[in-house]
């Protein structure tokens, strides 16, 4: 494939799993996006072409690099995704940059997390890595599908934990079973 053919492929929205890979790369770089920013970033990245996705992720990474603390970095990330002036500046550089979701599309049951994540957290003892893993696998799905998988996640957790005879290992057994179920449910 020639250079120009590769460039042409960069203008089409990439597969959903690439968004998960970009979010995982940010996490691997030590960028703790938090559930709300991770959710909104994944929804923003989904319709974008590969080039714009990578540029936006680089800008978010830069915001975390220069911010004085985690909360300031998250605020800056939200600003880049939702602020009208920041969006206009982004559109000047990236004409394909999407409009932010309308307030009626807001998924969060609270101001912090989507309802499917809140449901899982109410029933399971999630570690920060679990939260990132769940967000990475469920945030690109429809709300109905994400909630259905959240229920299956909780069921798998409970089944795995109940099957463990040693009490101090129950949480890890539940975690392994739930994450394995989620891996099997993810295309």
N, C-alpha and C. Protein backbone atom coordinates (compact mmCIF):
# COMPACT_ATOMS: atom_id res chain seq x y z
N UNK A 1 0.86 -1.18 0.00
CA UNK A 1 0.00 0.00 0.00
C UNK A 1 0.90 1.23 0.00
N UNK A 2 0.61 2.17 -0.89
CA UNK A 2 1.41 3.38 -1.00
C UNK A 2 1.11 4.38 0.10
N UNK A 3 1.97 5.38 0.20
CA UNK A 3 1.84 6.42 1.23
C UNK A 3 0.49 7.14 1.15
N UNK A 4 0.07 7.50 -0.04
CA UNK A 4 -1.19 8.23 -0.20
C UNK A 4 -2.39 7.34 0.11
N UNK A 5 -2.29 6.04 -0.21
CA UNK A 5 -3.38 5.13 0.13
C UNK A 5 -3.50 4.99 1.64
N UNK A 6 -2.36 4.95 2.35
CA UNK A 6 -2.40 4.88 3.81
C UNK A 6 -3.02 6.15 4.37
N UNK A 7 -2.66 7.29 3.82
CA UNK A 7 -3.23 8.55 4.30
C UNK A 7 -4.73 8.57 4.07
N UNK A 8 -5.21 8.06 2.97
CA UNK A 8 -6.65 8.06 2.69
C UNK A 8 -7.39 7.24 3.74
N UNK A 9 -6.80 6.13 4.20
CA UNK A 9 -7.41 5.31 5.24
C UNK A 9 -7.47 6.01 6.58
N UNK A 10 -6.64 7.02 6.75
CA UNK A 10 -6.61 7.75 8.01
C UNK A 10 -7.81 8.68 8.16
N UNK A 11 -8.54 8.95 7.11
CA UNK A 11 -9.67 9.88 7.16
C UNK A 11 -10.98 9.19 7.48
N UNK A 12 -10.99 7.88 7.61
CA UNK A 12 -12.20 7.13 7.95
C UNK A 12 -12.17 6.81 9.44
N UNK A 13 -13.34 6.75 10.05
CA UNK A 13 -13.41 6.35 11.46
C UNK A 13 -12.87 4.94 11.59
N UNK A 14 -12.01 4.75 12.55
CA UNK A 14 -11.43 3.44 12.77
C UNK A 14 -12.36 2.55 13.57
N UNK A 15 -11.98 1.29 13.73
CA UNK A 15 -12.81 0.36 14.50
C UNK A 15 -12.87 0.76 15.98
N UNK A 16 -13.92 0.35 16.64
CA UNK A 16 -14.14 0.72 18.05
C UNK A 16 -13.01 0.25 18.95
N UNK A 17 -12.43 -0.90 18.67
CA UNK A 17 -11.37 -1.41 19.55
C UNK A 17 -10.16 -0.49 19.57
N UNK A 18 -9.98 0.31 18.54
CA UNK A 18 -8.85 1.25 18.54
C UNK A 18 -9.05 2.34 19.58
N UNK A 19 -10.29 2.72 19.85
CA UNK A 19 -10.55 3.70 20.91
C UNK A 19 -10.13 3.10 22.25
N UNK A 20 -10.49 1.83 22.47
CA UNK A 20 -10.09 1.14 23.70
C UNK A 20 -8.56 1.13 23.82
N UNK A 21 -7.88 0.89 22.71
CA UNK A 21 -6.42 0.85 22.72
C UNK A 21 -5.85 2.22 23.08
N UNK A 22 -6.43 3.29 22.53
CA UNK A 22 -5.96 4.64 22.85
C UNK A 22 -6.18 4.97 24.32
N UNK A 23 -7.34 4.61 24.86
CA UNK A 23 -7.60 4.84 26.28
C UNK A 23 -6.64 4.03 27.15
N UNK A 24 -6.38 2.80 26.73
CA UNK A 24 -5.43 1.97 27.48
C UNK A 24 -4.03 2.56 27.43
N UNK A 25 -3.66 3.14 26.29
CA UNK A 25 -2.34 3.77 26.17
C UNK A 25 -2.22 4.97 27.11
N UNK A 26 -3.29 5.74 27.22
CA UNK A 26 -3.27 6.86 28.18
C UNK A 26 -3.13 6.33 29.60
N UNK A 27 -3.85 5.27 29.94
CA UNK A 27 -3.75 4.68 31.27
C UNK A 27 -2.35 4.14 31.52
N UNK A 28 -1.78 3.48 30.51
CA UNK A 28 -0.42 2.96 30.64
C UNK A 28 0.61 4.07 30.84
N UNK A 29 0.31 5.25 30.29
CA UNK A 29 1.20 6.40 30.45
C UNK A 29 0.98 7.09 31.80
N UNK A 30 0.08 6.53 32.62
CA UNK A 30 -0.17 7.10 33.94
C UNK A 30 -1.21 8.19 33.96
N UNK A 31 -2.02 8.29 32.91
CA UNK A 31 -3.05 9.32 32.83
C UNK A 31 -4.35 8.76 33.40
N UNK A 32 -4.66 9.12 34.62
CA UNK A 32 -5.88 8.64 35.29
C UNK A 32 -7.03 9.56 34.90
N UNK A 33 -7.73 9.19 33.84
CA UNK A 33 -8.80 10.02 33.30
C UNK A 33 -10.00 10.10 34.23
N UNK A 34 -10.23 9.07 35.00
CA UNK A 34 -11.44 9.00 35.81
C UNK A 34 -12.59 8.53 34.93
N UNK A 35 -13.64 7.99 35.54
CA UNK A 35 -14.74 7.40 34.76
C UNK A 35 -15.45 8.38 33.83
N UNK A 36 -15.73 9.58 34.30
CA UNK A 36 -16.51 10.52 33.49
C UNK A 36 -15.72 11.00 32.27
N UNK A 37 -14.47 11.42 32.47
CA UNK A 37 -13.67 11.88 31.34
C UNK A 37 -13.40 10.74 30.37
N UNK A 38 -13.13 9.55 30.89
CA UNK A 38 -12.89 8.39 30.02
C UNK A 38 -14.12 8.10 29.17
N UNK A 39 -15.29 8.18 29.77
CA UNK A 39 -16.53 7.93 29.04
C UNK A 39 -16.72 8.97 27.94
N UNK A 40 -16.59 10.24 28.29
CA UNK A 40 -16.81 11.30 27.29
C UNK A 40 -15.73 11.29 26.21
N UNK A 41 -14.50 10.98 26.58
CA UNK A 41 -13.45 10.90 25.59
C UNK A 41 -13.71 9.74 24.63
N UNK A 42 -14.15 8.59 25.15
CA UNK A 42 -14.42 7.46 24.26
C UNK A 42 -15.57 7.77 23.31
N UNK A 43 -16.60 8.44 23.80
CA UNK A 43 -17.73 8.81 22.93
C UNK A 43 -17.30 9.84 21.88
N UNK A 44 -16.39 10.75 22.26
CA UNK A 44 -15.90 11.75 21.32
C UNK A 44 -15.01 11.10 20.25
N UNK A 45 -14.16 10.15 20.67
CA UNK A 45 -13.23 9.51 19.74
C UNK A 45 -13.91 8.57 18.75
N UNK A 46 -15.00 7.94 19.17
CA UNK A 46 -15.63 6.88 18.35
C UNK A 46 -15.89 7.28 16.90
N UNK A 47 -16.50 8.43 16.60
CA UNK A 47 -16.80 8.74 15.20
C UNK A 47 -15.64 9.37 14.43
N UNK A 48 -14.53 9.65 15.10
CA UNK A 48 -13.43 10.37 14.46
C UNK A 48 -12.57 9.46 13.59
N UNK A 49 -11.91 10.08 12.64
CA UNK A 49 -10.94 9.33 11.84
C UNK A 49 -9.70 9.07 12.69
N UNK A 50 -8.89 8.16 12.25
CA UNK A 50 -7.72 7.75 13.02
C UNK A 50 -6.76 8.91 13.29
N UNK A 51 -6.56 9.76 12.32
CA UNK A 51 -5.63 10.88 12.48
C UNK A 51 -6.12 11.83 13.57
N UNK A 52 -7.39 12.19 13.51
CA UNK A 52 -7.95 13.12 14.49
C UNK A 52 -7.98 12.47 15.87
N UNK A 53 -8.29 11.17 15.91
CA UNK A 53 -8.26 10.46 17.20
C UNK A 53 -6.89 10.58 17.85
N UNK A 54 -5.87 10.28 17.07
CA UNK A 54 -4.52 10.30 17.64
C UNK A 54 -4.11 11.71 18.05
N UNK A 55 -4.51 12.71 17.28
CA UNK A 55 -4.18 14.09 17.64
C UNK A 55 -4.90 14.51 18.91
N UNK A 56 -6.17 14.13 19.05
CA UNK A 56 -6.92 14.48 20.24
C UNK A 56 -6.35 13.79 21.47
N UNK A 57 -5.99 12.52 21.34
CA UNK A 57 -5.39 11.80 22.46
C UNK A 57 -4.05 12.45 22.85
N UNK A 58 -3.29 12.90 21.87
CA UNK A 58 -2.02 13.58 22.17
C UNK A 58 -2.28 14.88 22.93
N UNK A 59 -3.33 15.61 22.56
CA UNK A 59 -3.65 16.85 23.26
C UNK A 59 -4.08 16.55 24.71
N UNK A 60 -4.88 15.51 24.91
CA UNK A 60 -5.29 15.12 26.27
C UNK A 60 -4.06 14.71 27.07
N UNK A 61 -3.18 13.95 26.46
CA UNK A 61 -1.94 13.54 27.12
C UNK A 61 -1.12 14.76 27.53
N UNK A 62 -1.01 15.72 26.64
CA UNK A 62 -0.28 16.96 26.95
C UNK A 62 -0.92 17.70 28.12
N UNK A 63 -2.24 17.73 28.17
CA UNK A 63 -2.93 18.41 29.27
C UNK A 63 -2.57 17.76 30.60
N UNK A 64 -2.49 16.44 30.63
CA UNK A 64 -2.11 15.75 31.86
C UNK A 64 -0.64 15.99 32.19
N UNK A 65 0.18 16.13 31.17
CA UNK A 65 1.61 16.35 31.38
C UNK A 65 1.88 17.70 32.05
N UNK A 66 1.17 18.74 31.63
CA UNK A 66 1.48 20.08 32.13
C UNK A 66 0.63 20.52 33.31
N UNK A 67 -0.44 19.79 33.61
CA UNK A 67 -1.33 20.19 34.71
C UNK A 67 -0.61 20.03 36.05
N UNK A 68 -0.91 20.93 36.98
CA UNK A 68 -0.25 20.85 38.29
C UNK A 68 -0.73 19.66 39.14
N UNK A 69 -1.94 19.19 38.88
CA UNK A 69 -2.45 18.04 39.64
C UNK A 69 -3.50 17.30 38.81
N UNK A 70 -3.95 16.17 39.35
CA UNK A 70 -4.89 15.31 38.62
C UNK A 70 -6.21 16.01 38.33
N UNK A 71 -6.77 16.70 39.31
CA UNK A 71 -8.05 17.37 39.11
C UNK A 71 -7.96 18.46 38.04
N UNK A 72 -6.87 19.20 38.03
CA UNK A 72 -6.68 20.24 37.01
C UNK A 72 -6.57 19.60 35.63
N UNK A 73 -5.90 18.47 35.54
CA UNK A 73 -5.77 17.77 34.26
C UNK A 73 -7.14 17.29 33.77
N UNK A 74 -7.93 16.73 34.67
CA UNK A 74 -9.27 16.27 34.28
C UNK A 74 -10.15 17.44 33.85
N UNK A 75 -10.08 18.55 34.59
CA UNK A 75 -10.87 19.73 34.21
C UNK A 75 -10.48 20.21 32.82
N UNK A 76 -9.17 20.23 32.55
CA UNK A 76 -8.70 20.66 31.23
C UNK A 76 -9.19 19.70 30.14
N UNK A 77 -9.19 18.40 30.44
CA UNK A 77 -9.70 17.42 29.49
C UNK A 77 -11.17 17.65 29.18
N UNK A 78 -11.96 17.89 30.23
CA UNK A 78 -13.39 18.18 30.02
C UNK A 78 -13.57 19.46 29.22
N UNK A 79 -12.76 20.45 29.53
CA UNK A 79 -12.84 21.72 28.81
C UNK A 79 -12.61 21.51 27.32
N UNK A 80 -11.60 20.71 26.99
CA UNK A 80 -11.30 20.46 25.59
C UNK A 80 -12.43 19.71 24.88
N UNK A 81 -13.18 18.91 25.62
CA UNK A 81 -14.24 18.12 25.00
C UNK A 81 -15.58 18.85 24.95
N UNK A 82 -15.79 19.86 25.82
CA UNK A 82 -17.12 20.45 25.93
C UNK A 82 -17.19 21.96 25.77
N UNK A 83 -16.12 22.68 26.03
CA UNK A 83 -16.16 24.13 26.00
C UNK A 83 -16.31 24.62 24.56
N UNK A 84 -17.24 25.56 24.34
CA UNK A 84 -17.55 26.03 22.99
C UNK A 84 -16.33 26.67 22.32
N UNK A 85 -15.58 27.49 23.05
CA UNK A 85 -14.40 28.14 22.46
C UNK A 85 -13.32 27.12 22.14
N UNK A 86 -13.13 26.15 23.04
CA UNK A 86 -12.14 25.11 22.78
C UNK A 86 -12.56 24.27 21.57
N UNK A 87 -13.86 24.00 21.45
CA UNK A 87 -14.36 23.23 20.30
C UNK A 87 -14.15 23.99 18.99
N UNK A 88 -14.40 25.29 19.01
CA UNK A 88 -14.19 26.08 17.79
C UNK A 88 -12.72 26.08 17.38
N UNK A 89 -11.83 26.19 18.37
CA UNK A 89 -10.39 26.14 18.06
C UNK A 89 -10.02 24.77 17.49
N UNK A 90 -10.59 23.72 18.08
CA UNK A 90 -10.31 22.37 17.59
C UNK A 90 -10.84 22.18 16.17
N UNK A 91 -12.03 22.72 15.88
CA UNK A 91 -12.60 22.58 14.54
C UNK A 91 -11.81 23.34 13.49
N UNK A 92 -11.14 24.41 13.90
CA UNK A 92 -10.29 25.14 12.95
C UNK A 92 -9.15 24.25 12.48
N UNK A 93 -8.66 23.41 13.38
CA UNK A 93 -7.56 22.49 13.05
C UNK A 93 -8.10 21.19 12.47
N UNK A 94 -9.19 20.69 13.07
CA UNK A 94 -9.77 19.41 12.67
C UNK A 94 -11.22 19.61 12.26
N UNK A 95 -11.50 19.88 11.00
CA UNK A 95 -12.89 20.14 10.57
C UNK A 95 -13.85 19.00 10.91
N UNK A 96 -13.35 17.78 11.02
CA UNK A 96 -14.23 16.64 11.30
C UNK A 96 -14.52 16.48 12.79
N UNK A 97 -14.02 17.36 13.63
CA UNK A 97 -14.24 17.25 15.07
C UNK A 97 -15.74 17.30 15.36
N UNK A 98 -16.27 16.33 16.11
CA UNK A 98 -17.73 16.25 16.30
C UNK A 98 -18.26 17.24 17.33
N UNK A 99 -19.55 17.49 17.24
CA UNK A 99 -20.23 18.30 18.25
C UNK A 99 -20.28 17.50 19.54
N UNK A 100 -20.25 18.16 20.69
CA UNK A 100 -20.39 17.41 21.93
C UNK A 100 -21.80 16.83 22.03
N UNK A 101 -21.96 15.75 22.79
CA UNK A 101 -23.30 15.17 22.90
C UNK A 101 -24.26 16.16 23.56
N UNK A 102 -25.49 16.12 23.11
CA UNK A 102 -26.51 17.00 23.69
C UNK A 102 -26.76 16.59 25.13
N UNK A 103 -27.19 17.52 25.98
CA UNK A 103 -27.43 17.18 27.38
C UNK A 103 -28.38 16.01 27.57
N UNK A 104 -29.30 15.78 26.65
CA UNK A 104 -30.21 14.65 26.80
C UNK A 104 -29.48 13.32 26.60
N UNK A 105 -28.29 13.35 25.98
CA UNK A 105 -27.53 12.12 25.78
C UNK A 105 -26.61 11.81 26.94
N UNK A 106 -26.57 12.65 27.94
CA UNK A 106 -25.67 12.44 29.07
C UNK A 106 -26.00 11.12 29.75
N UNK A 107 -25.01 10.22 29.89
CA UNK A 107 -25.28 8.88 30.38
C UNK A 107 -25.24 8.75 31.89
N UNK A 108 -24.72 9.73 32.55
CA UNK A 108 -24.41 9.54 33.96
C UNK A 108 -25.64 9.60 34.84
N UNK A 109 -25.72 8.64 35.77
CA UNK A 109 -26.76 8.66 36.78
C UNK A 109 -26.43 9.75 37.78
N UNK A 110 -25.14 9.98 37.97
CA UNK A 110 -24.67 11.08 38.80
C UNK A 110 -23.79 11.93 37.92
N UNK A 111 -23.14 12.91 38.49
CA UNK A 111 -22.25 13.75 37.70
C UNK A 111 -20.91 13.08 37.46
N UNK A 112 -20.70 11.90 38.02
CA UNK A 112 -19.39 11.29 37.97
C UNK A 112 -19.32 10.07 37.08
N UNK A 113 -20.35 9.27 37.02
CA UNK A 113 -20.21 8.01 36.32
C UNK A 113 -21.48 7.58 35.59
N UNK A 114 -21.30 6.77 34.56
CA UNK A 114 -22.46 6.25 33.84
C UNK A 114 -23.24 5.28 34.74
N UNK A 115 -24.51 5.07 34.47
CA UNK A 115 -25.34 4.23 35.34
C UNK A 115 -24.87 2.78 35.41
N UNK A 116 -24.34 2.24 34.32
CA UNK A 116 -23.87 0.86 34.35
C UNK A 116 -22.65 0.71 35.26
N UNK A 117 -21.81 1.73 35.31
CA UNK A 117 -20.65 1.66 36.21
C UNK A 117 -21.12 1.79 37.66
N UNK A 118 -22.07 2.69 37.91
CA UNK A 118 -22.61 2.84 39.26
C UNK A 118 -23.23 1.53 39.73
N UNK A 119 -23.94 0.85 38.83
CA UNK A 119 -24.56 -0.43 39.18
C UNK A 119 -23.49 -1.45 39.58
N UNK A 120 -22.44 -1.57 38.79
CA UNK A 120 -21.38 -2.53 39.10
C UNK A 120 -20.72 -2.17 40.43
N UNK A 121 -20.43 -0.89 40.64
CA UNK A 121 -19.75 -0.47 41.87
C UNK A 121 -20.61 -0.72 43.11
N UNK A 122 -21.93 -0.68 42.95
CA UNK A 122 -22.81 -0.96 44.10
C UNK A 122 -22.74 -2.43 44.50
N UNK A 123 -22.44 -3.31 43.54
CA UNK A 123 -22.50 -4.75 43.81
C UNK A 123 -21.14 -5.44 43.89
N UNK A 124 -20.11 -4.80 43.40
CA UNK A 124 -18.78 -5.43 43.34
C UNK A 124 -17.73 -4.52 43.96
N UNK A 125 -16.72 -5.12 44.50
CA UNK A 125 -15.61 -4.39 45.08
C UNK A 125 -14.57 -4.14 43.97
N UNK A 126 -14.69 -2.97 43.32
CA UNK A 126 -13.82 -2.68 42.18
C UNK A 126 -12.54 -1.98 42.61
N UNK A 127 -11.44 -2.46 42.08
CA UNK A 127 -10.16 -1.76 42.22
C UNK A 127 -10.08 -0.75 41.08
N UNK A 128 -9.18 0.25 41.18
CA UNK A 128 -9.07 1.23 40.07
C UNK A 128 -8.82 0.58 38.71
N UNK A 129 -8.02 -0.47 38.67
CA UNK A 129 -7.78 -1.16 37.40
C UNK A 129 -9.05 -1.80 36.87
N UNK A 130 -9.88 -2.33 37.78
CA UNK A 130 -11.17 -2.91 37.36
C UNK A 130 -12.04 -1.85 36.72
N UNK A 131 -12.09 -0.68 37.35
CA UNK A 131 -12.93 0.41 36.83
C UNK A 131 -12.49 0.78 35.43
N UNK A 132 -11.19 0.95 35.23
CA UNK A 132 -10.69 1.29 33.90
C UNK A 132 -11.01 0.19 32.89
N UNK A 133 -10.88 -1.06 33.32
CA UNK A 133 -11.15 -2.20 32.44
C UNK A 133 -12.62 -2.21 32.01
N UNK A 134 -13.51 -2.03 32.98
CA UNK A 134 -14.94 -2.03 32.69
C UNK A 134 -15.29 -0.87 31.76
N UNK A 135 -14.76 0.31 32.06
CA UNK A 135 -15.04 1.48 31.21
C UNK A 135 -14.56 1.24 29.80
N UNK A 136 -13.36 0.68 29.67
CA UNK A 136 -12.81 0.43 28.35
C UNK A 136 -13.70 -0.52 27.54
N UNK A 137 -14.30 -1.50 28.21
CA UNK A 137 -15.11 -2.48 27.49
C UNK A 137 -16.57 -2.08 27.31
N UNK A 138 -17.10 -1.23 28.17
CA UNK A 138 -18.52 -0.93 28.09
C UNK A 138 -18.84 0.46 27.54
N UNK A 139 -17.90 1.38 27.58
CA UNK A 139 -18.22 2.76 27.23
C UNK A 139 -18.59 2.97 25.77
N UNK A 140 -18.18 2.10 24.88
CA UNK A 140 -18.50 2.26 23.46
C UNK A 140 -19.79 1.56 23.06
N UNK A 141 -20.43 0.92 23.99
CA UNK A 141 -21.67 0.20 23.71
C UNK A 141 -22.87 1.11 23.97
N UNK A 142 -24.00 0.71 23.44
CA UNK A 142 -25.23 1.46 23.73
C UNK A 142 -25.51 1.34 25.22
N UNK A 143 -26.28 2.28 25.74
CA UNK A 143 -26.60 2.25 27.17
C UNK A 143 -27.30 0.95 27.56
N UNK A 144 -28.22 0.50 26.73
CA UNK A 144 -28.95 -0.73 27.04
C UNK A 144 -28.02 -1.94 27.06
N UNK A 145 -27.15 -2.03 26.07
CA UNK A 145 -26.21 -3.15 26.00
C UNK A 145 -25.21 -3.08 27.15
N UNK A 146 -24.73 -1.88 27.46
CA UNK A 146 -23.78 -1.72 28.58
C UNK A 146 -24.44 -2.12 29.89
N UNK A 147 -25.69 -1.75 30.09
CA UNK A 147 -26.37 -2.12 31.34
C UNK A 147 -26.61 -3.62 31.42
N UNK A 148 -26.94 -4.23 30.29
CA UNK A 148 -27.12 -5.68 30.27
C UNK A 148 -25.80 -6.39 30.63
N UNK A 149 -24.70 -5.93 30.05
CA UNK A 149 -23.41 -6.51 30.37
C UNK A 149 -23.01 -6.22 31.81
N UNK A 150 -23.39 -5.08 32.34
CA UNK A 150 -23.11 -4.76 33.75
C UNK A 150 -23.81 -5.77 34.66
N UNK A 151 -25.04 -6.10 34.34
CA UNK A 151 -25.77 -7.10 35.15
C UNK A 151 -25.08 -8.46 35.07
N UNK A 152 -24.66 -8.83 33.86
CA UNK A 152 -23.94 -10.11 33.70
C UNK A 152 -22.61 -10.08 34.43
N UNK A 153 -21.96 -8.93 34.44
CA UNK A 153 -20.69 -8.77 35.15
C UNK A 153 -20.89 -9.03 36.65
N UNK A 154 -21.93 -8.42 37.22
CA UNK A 154 -22.23 -8.60 38.64
C UNK A 154 -22.57 -10.06 38.94
N UNK A 155 -23.35 -10.69 38.07
CA UNK A 155 -23.69 -12.11 38.27
C UNK A 155 -22.45 -12.98 38.22
N UNK A 156 -21.58 -12.73 37.24
CA UNK A 156 -20.35 -13.53 37.13
C UNK A 156 -19.45 -13.31 38.34
N UNK A 157 -19.40 -12.08 38.82
CA UNK A 157 -18.61 -11.77 40.02
C UNK A 157 -19.13 -12.58 41.21
N UNK A 158 -20.44 -12.53 41.42
CA UNK A 158 -21.04 -13.23 42.56
C UNK A 158 -20.82 -14.74 42.45
N UNK A 159 -21.00 -15.29 41.26
CA UNK A 159 -20.81 -16.72 41.05
C UNK A 159 -19.36 -17.12 41.33
N UNK A 160 -18.42 -16.33 40.80
CA UNK A 160 -17.00 -16.62 41.02
C UNK A 160 -16.61 -16.50 42.48
N UNK A 161 -17.11 -15.48 43.14
CA UNK A 161 -16.78 -15.28 44.55
C UNK A 161 -17.39 -16.39 45.41
N UNK A 162 -18.63 -16.77 45.11
CA UNK A 162 -19.30 -17.82 45.88
C UNK A 162 -18.62 -19.18 45.72
N UNK A 163 -18.00 -19.41 44.58
CA UNK A 163 -17.34 -20.70 44.33
C UNK A 163 -15.99 -20.81 45.05
N UNK A 164 -15.47 -19.71 45.53
CA UNK A 164 -14.16 -19.72 46.21
C UNK A 164 -14.35 -20.10 47.68
N UNK A 165 -13.72 -21.21 48.11
CA UNK A 165 -13.91 -21.66 49.50
C UNK A 165 -13.16 -20.79 50.53
N UNK A 166 -12.09 -20.15 50.15
CA UNK A 166 -11.32 -19.35 51.10
C UNK A 166 -11.79 -17.90 51.04
N UNK A 167 -12.28 -17.40 52.16
CA UNK A 167 -12.92 -16.08 52.22
C UNK A 167 -12.01 -14.96 51.72
N UNK A 168 -10.73 -15.02 52.04
CA UNK A 168 -9.83 -13.93 51.65
C UNK A 168 -9.54 -13.91 50.15
N UNK A 169 -9.96 -14.92 49.44
CA UNK A 169 -9.75 -14.98 47.99
C UNK A 169 -11.03 -14.73 47.18
N UNK A 170 -12.13 -14.50 47.86
CA UNK A 170 -13.42 -14.36 47.17
C UNK A 170 -13.45 -13.19 46.20
N UNK A 171 -12.96 -12.02 46.63
CA UNK A 171 -13.01 -10.84 45.76
C UNK A 171 -12.20 -11.07 44.49
N UNK A 172 -11.02 -11.65 44.62
CA UNK A 172 -10.20 -11.90 43.43
C UNK A 172 -10.84 -12.95 42.52
N UNK A 173 -11.45 -13.96 43.11
CA UNK A 173 -12.13 -14.98 42.30
C UNK A 173 -13.31 -14.35 41.55
N UNK A 174 -14.05 -13.49 42.21
CA UNK A 174 -15.16 -12.79 41.56
C UNK A 174 -14.66 -11.90 40.44
N UNK A 175 -13.59 -11.18 40.71
CA UNK A 175 -12.99 -10.28 39.72
C UNK A 175 -12.55 -11.05 38.48
N UNK A 176 -11.86 -12.16 38.69
CA UNK A 176 -11.39 -12.97 37.55
C UNK A 176 -12.56 -13.48 36.71
N UNK A 177 -13.59 -13.99 37.39
CA UNK A 177 -14.75 -14.53 36.67
C UNK A 177 -15.47 -13.43 35.89
N UNK A 178 -15.66 -12.28 36.51
CA UNK A 178 -16.38 -11.18 35.84
C UNK A 178 -15.57 -10.64 34.66
N UNK A 179 -14.28 -10.48 34.84
CA UNK A 179 -13.46 -9.96 33.74
C UNK A 179 -13.37 -10.97 32.60
N UNK A 180 -13.33 -12.26 32.93
CA UNK A 180 -13.31 -13.28 31.88
C UNK A 180 -14.63 -13.26 31.10
N UNK A 181 -15.75 -13.08 31.80
CA UNK A 181 -17.04 -12.98 31.13
C UNK A 181 -17.03 -11.78 30.18
N UNK A 182 -16.51 -10.65 30.66
CA UNK A 182 -16.50 -9.44 29.85
C UNK A 182 -15.61 -9.61 28.62
N UNK A 183 -14.46 -10.25 28.77
CA UNK A 183 -13.59 -10.51 27.62
C UNK A 183 -14.31 -11.37 26.59
N UNK A 184 -15.07 -12.35 27.04
CA UNK A 184 -15.80 -13.22 26.14
C UNK A 184 -16.96 -12.52 25.46
N UNK A 185 -17.50 -11.49 26.11
CA UNK A 185 -18.64 -10.76 25.55
C UNK A 185 -18.22 -9.65 24.63
N UNK A 186 -16.94 -9.32 24.60
CA UNK A 186 -16.45 -8.21 23.80
C UNK A 186 -16.01 -8.70 22.44
N UNK A 187 -16.53 -8.07 21.38
CA UNK A 187 -16.16 -8.51 20.03
C UNK A 187 -14.70 -8.26 19.73
